[in-house]
Amino acid sequence: MKIGIIGAGRIGGGLARQLAGAGHQLLLSFSRDRAALDELAIRLGPSAGTGSPPDSVAFGEVVVISVPWSVLPQALEQAGPLDGKIVIDTTNQFGGPPLPAEGQTAAAFNAARMPGARYTKSFNTLTSAFQAEAAGRTGDERVVQWLCGDDAAAKEVVAGLIRDAGFVPVDLGGTAGCAVMEAPRRPGAVYGEEYRLADATAVVDAVRAGRPIPPTPRYGPA
């Protein structure tokens, strides 16, 4: 699959490495250090190249947007229209305005900032270092990447990419009800916590029923 990545820093760059390793074609863009971006593409091999944000949008069947919250407006302005594109948003609401309204999820807020996109949110709950270490675990030790969005078909595509990146996808539903997967780290949320499938299923059941989620699981060494 062709994937445009806007923002190849710690999270975006790590995801690029995982997806390139799974055989996907990538076009990386939006970096303050173009030399570092080019170097990353070289390390990823012939399946990766670099360009501008509009190049990434034009190239990608899926577009990953992985930039700091404060520069997201700039990244979206440079990217241009996202009409019809499946978008994976990895951002978290750390930083200055604009910010979601009281009671509004960051996912719903960002989806509205990307009109026409087939918006999803994922790869936002775990640090880049942990994702790099945990990708590719097998069996019951496989780590969850949470997923939300309002386009079921887009989520199916993104779920496949989550598997390709070495994780197990768990769908929390629509953008309006995904607060438990968003910053900050806190009791009663999955943000910042490791989950595996059996425990994640109980979280989904609780969210759908409107109940508090179960206590955060603790795992031994993988």
Protein backbone atom coordinates (compact mmCIF):
# COMPACT_ATOMS: atom_id res chain seq x y z
CA MET A 1 0.00 0.00 0.00
CA LYS A 2 1.14 3.58 -0.63
CA ILE A 3 1.34 5.60 2.58
CA GLY A 4 2.12 9.29 2.93
CA ILE A 5 3.62 10.30 6.27
CA ILE A 6 3.42 13.94 7.32
CA GLY A 7 5.76 14.25 10.27
CA ALA A 8 8.41 11.54 10.57
CA GLY A 9 9.63 12.30 14.08
CA ARG A 10 9.66 9.82 16.93
CA ILE A 11 6.15 8.38 16.46
CA GLY A 12 5.85 8.94 12.71
CA GLY A 13 9.39 7.79 12.05
CA GLY A 14 8.91 4.66 14.12
CA LEU A 15 5.69 3.85 12.30
CA ALA A 16 7.49 4.44 9.00
CA ARG A 17 10.13 1.86 9.96
CA GLN A 18 7.50 -0.69 10.93
CA LEU A 19 5.43 -0.20 7.78
CA ALA A 20 8.44 -0.18 5.47
CA GLY A 21 9.51 -3.43 7.07
CA ALA A 22 6.08 -4.86 6.20
CA GLY A 23 6.58 -3.99 2.53
CA HIS A 24 4.57 -0.78 2.20
CA GLN A 25 5.67 2.16 0.03
CA LEU A 26 6.20 5.44 1.88
CA LEU A 27 6.60 9.11 1.08
CA LEU A 28 7.85 11.15 4.04
CA SER A 29 7.38 14.90 4.48
CA PHE A 30 7.20 17.83 6.89
CA SER A 31 10.44 18.06 8.84
CA ARG A 32 12.45 20.99 10.17
CA ASP A 33 15.54 18.98 9.19
CA ARG A 34 15.23 17.90 5.57
CA ALA A 35 18.62 16.19 5.69
CA ALA A 36 17.44 13.99 8.56
CA LEU A 37 14.26 13.18 6.64
CA ASP A 38 16.28 12.18 3.59
CA GLU A 39 18.58 10.09 5.78
CA LEU A 40 15.62 8.25 7.29
CA ALA A 41 14.25 7.49 3.83
CA ILE A 42 17.64 6.11 2.78
CA ARG A 43 17.74 3.87 5.86
CA LEU A 44 14.24 2.61 5.08
CA GLY A 45 15.35 1.51 1.64
CA PRO A 46 14.01 1.83 -1.90
CA SER A 47 10.37 1.68 -0.78
CA ALA A 48 10.68 5.14 0.86
CA GLY A 49 11.12 8.63 -0.53
CA THR A 50 10.68 12.22 0.57
CA GLY A 51 8.73 15.21 -0.68
CA SER A 52 6.37 17.96 0.42
CA PRO A 53 3.14 17.49 2.41
CA PRO A 54 1.02 17.81 -0.75
CA ASP A 55 3.25 15.14 -2.32
CA SER A 56 2.53 12.82 0.62
CA VAL A 57 -1.21 13.42 0.28
CA ALA A 58 -1.18 12.83 -3.47
CA PHE A 59 0.94 9.69 -3.06
CA GLY A 60 -0.82 8.01 -0.19
CA GLU A 61 -3.83 5.77 -0.18
CA VAL A 62 -3.44 6.37 3.56
CA VAL A 63 -1.97 9.55 5.07
CA VAL A 64 -0.40 9.47 8.54
CA ILE A 65 -0.35 12.84 10.31
CA SER A 66 2.14 12.69 13.16
CA VAL A 67 3.17 16.16 14.27
CA PRO A 68 3.12 18.07 17.57
CA TRP A 69 -0.27 19.54 18.41
CA SER A 70 1.02 23.11 18.19
CA VAL A 71 2.15 22.72 14.57
CA LEU A 72 -0.84 20.73 13.34
CA PRO A 73 -2.51 23.82 11.82
CA GLN A 74 0.66 24.50 9.81
CA ALA A 75 0.90 20.88 8.70
CA LEU A 76 -2.73 20.81 7.58
CA GLU A 77 -2.37 24.10 5.74
CA GLN A 78 0.65 22.78 3.85
CA ALA A 79 -0.96 19.41 3.15
CA GLY A 80 -3.99 20.91 1.47
CA PRO A 81 -7.26 19.06 0.83
CA LEU A 82 -7.54 15.55 2.26
CA ASP A 83 -10.76 14.68 0.44
CA GLY A 84 -11.28 10.92 0.29
CA LYS A 85 -8.00 10.08 1.99
CA ILE A 86 -7.85 7.66 4.89
CA VAL A 87 -6.06 9.61 7.63
CA ILE A 88 -4.33 8.20 10.70
CA ASP A 89 -3.96 10.96 13.28
CA THR A 90 -1.38 10.21 16.01
CA THR A 91 -1.45 13.63 17.68
CA ASN A 92 -2.21 14.39 21.32
CA GLN A 93 -3.61 17.64 22.69
CA PHE A 94 -0.49 18.93 24.45
CA GLY A 95 0.19 22.59 23.81
CA GLY A 96 -1.56 25.79 22.94
CA PRO A 97 -4.81 26.56 21.17
CA PRO A 98 -6.84 25.78 19.28
CA LEU A 99 -8.03 23.12 21.70
CA PRO A 100 -11.17 20.95 21.86
CA ALA A 101 -14.22 22.39 23.54
CA GLU A 102 -15.20 21.21 27.01
CA GLY A 103 -16.36 17.61 26.71
CA GLN A 104 -15.19 17.25 23.10
CA THR A 105 -12.58 14.63 22.24
CA ALA A 106 -9.42 15.64 20.42
CA ALA A 107 -10.33 13.08 17.76
CA ALA A 108 -13.69 14.73 17.06
CA PHE A 109 -12.02 18.14 17.07
CA ASN A 110 -9.31 17.08 14.63
CA ALA A 111 -11.73 15.23 12.37
CA ALA A 112 -13.59 18.51 11.94
CA ARG A 113 -10.30 20.18 10.99
CA MET A 114 -9.84 17.66 8.17
CA PRO A 115 -13.05 17.97 6.15
CA GLY A 116 -13.50 15.28 3.54
CA ALA A 117 -10.91 12.98 5.13
CA ARG A 118 -11.79 9.46 6.21
CA TYR A 119 -10.46 10.18 9.66
CA THR A 120 -9.09 7.69 12.18
CA LYS A 121 -6.99 8.06 15.30
CA SER A 122 -4.38 5.54 16.45
CA PHE A 123 -0.72 5.10 17.53
CA ASN A 124 -1.13 7.93 20.05
CA THR A 125 -1.25 6.15 23.41
CA LEU A 126 2.25 4.64 23.73
CA THR A 127 5.70 6.21 23.66
CA SER A 128 7.83 5.80 20.57
CA ALA A 129 10.44 3.85 22.53
CA PHE A 130 7.87 1.40 23.85
CA GLN A 131 6.29 0.98 20.42
CA ALA A 132 9.69 0.18 18.91
CA GLU A 133 10.38 -2.36 21.65
CA ALA A 134 6.93 -3.96 21.63
CA ALA A 135 6.24 -4.18 17.89
CA GLY A 136 6.18 -7.74 16.67
CA ARG A 137 5.48 -9.54 19.94
CA THR A 138 3.53 -12.70 19.33
CA GLY A 139 0.62 -14.60 20.80
CA ASP A 140 -0.96 -13.36 24.00
CA GLU A 141 1.90 -10.86 24.52
CA ARG A 142 1.01 -8.87 21.41
CA VAL A 143 0.40 -5.23 22.35
CA VAL A 144 -2.77 -3.30 21.51
CA GLN A 145 -2.98 -0.17 19.41
CA TRP A 146 -6.30 1.54 20.07
CA LEU A 147 -8.30 2.83 17.12
CA CYS A 148 -11.29 5.11 16.70
CA GLY A 149 -13.09 6.75 13.80
CA ASP A 150 -16.49 7.23 12.21
CA ASP A 151 -15.78 5.44 8.90
CA ALA A 152 -15.98 1.67 9.38
CA ALA A 153 -14.28 0.85 6.08
CA ALA A 154 -11.40 3.23 6.81
CA LYS A 155 -10.94 1.61 10.21
CA GLU A 156 -10.70 -1.80 8.57
CA VAL A 157 -7.83 -0.57 6.41
CA VAL A 158 -6.08 1.02 9.39
CA ALA A 159 -6.58 -2.14 11.46
CA GLY A 160 -4.67 -4.03 8.77
CA LEU A 161 -1.82 -1.53 8.97
CA ILE A 162 -1.76 -1.85 12.76
CA ARG A 163 -1.30 -5.60 12.33
CA ASP A 164 1.41 -5.01 9.72
CA ALA A 165 3.20 -2.72 12.19
CA GLY A 166 3.33 -5.56 14.71
CA PHE A 167 0.39 -4.82 16.99
CA VAL A 168 -3.21 -5.92 17.51
CA PRO A 169 -5.94 -3.36 16.68
CA VAL A 170 -8.78 -2.71 19.10
CA ASP A 171 -11.63 -0.49 17.92
CA LEU A 172 -13.09 1.85 20.53
CA GLY A 173 -15.83 3.11 18.22
CA GLY A 174 -16.49 6.63 16.98
CA THR A 175 -14.58 9.84 17.55
CA ALA A 176 -17.10 11.19 20.04
CA GLY A 177 -16.63 8.35 22.51
CA CYS A 178 -12.89 7.74 22.51
CA ALA A 179 -11.83 9.94 25.44
CA VAL A 180 -10.25 7.01 27.29
CA MET A 181 -7.54 6.75 24.60
CA GLU A 182 -6.61 10.43 24.78
CA ALA A 183 -4.13 12.40 26.89
CA PRO A 184 -3.41 12.93 29.68
CA ARG A 185 -2.41 9.74 31.44
CA ARG A 186 -4.86 9.32 34.32
CA PRO A 187 -6.91 6.78 36.26
CA GLY A 188 -9.80 5.44 34.21
CA ALA A 189 -8.07 5.84 30.84
CA VAL A 190 -5.94 3.64 28.58
CA TYR A 191 -3.67 6.48 27.45
CA GLY A 192 -0.04 5.80 28.36
CA GLU A 193 -0.73 2.19 29.37
CA GLU A 194 0.17 -1.17 27.87
CA TYR A 195 -2.79 -3.38 27.00
CA ARG A 196 -3.12 -6.83 25.55
CA LEU A 197 -6.18 -8.17 23.80
CA ALA A 198 -8.00 -9.92 26.64
CA ASP A 199 -7.87 -6.86 28.87
CA ALA A 200 -8.62 -4.49 25.98
CA THR A 201 -11.82 -6.36 25.17
CA ALA A 202 -13.07 -5.64 28.69
CA VAL A 203 -12.31 -1.94 28.15
CA VAL A 204 -14.37 -1.88 24.95
CA ASP A 205 -17.28 -3.57 26.70
CA ALA A 206 -17.16 -0.97 29.50
CA VAL A 207 -16.97 1.99 27.10
CA ARG A 208 -19.91 0.69 25.07
CA ALA A 209 -21.96 0.20 28.25
CA GLY A 210 -21.04 3.62 29.64
CA ARG A 211 -19.28 2.10 32.65
CA PRO A 212 -15.86 2.99 34.09
CA ILE A 213 -13.15 0.85 32.54
CA PRO A 214 -11.55 -1.93 34.62
CA PRO A 215 -8.35 -1.23 36.56
CA THR A 216 -5.20 -0.89 34.48
CA PRO A 217 -3.58 -4.31 33.95
CA ARG A 218 0.01 -5.01 34.91
CA TYR A 219 2.16 -7.46 32.97
CA GLY A 220 5.40 -9.21 33.73
CA PRO A 221 8.42 -9.10 31.40
CA ALA A 222 7.55 -9.88 27.79
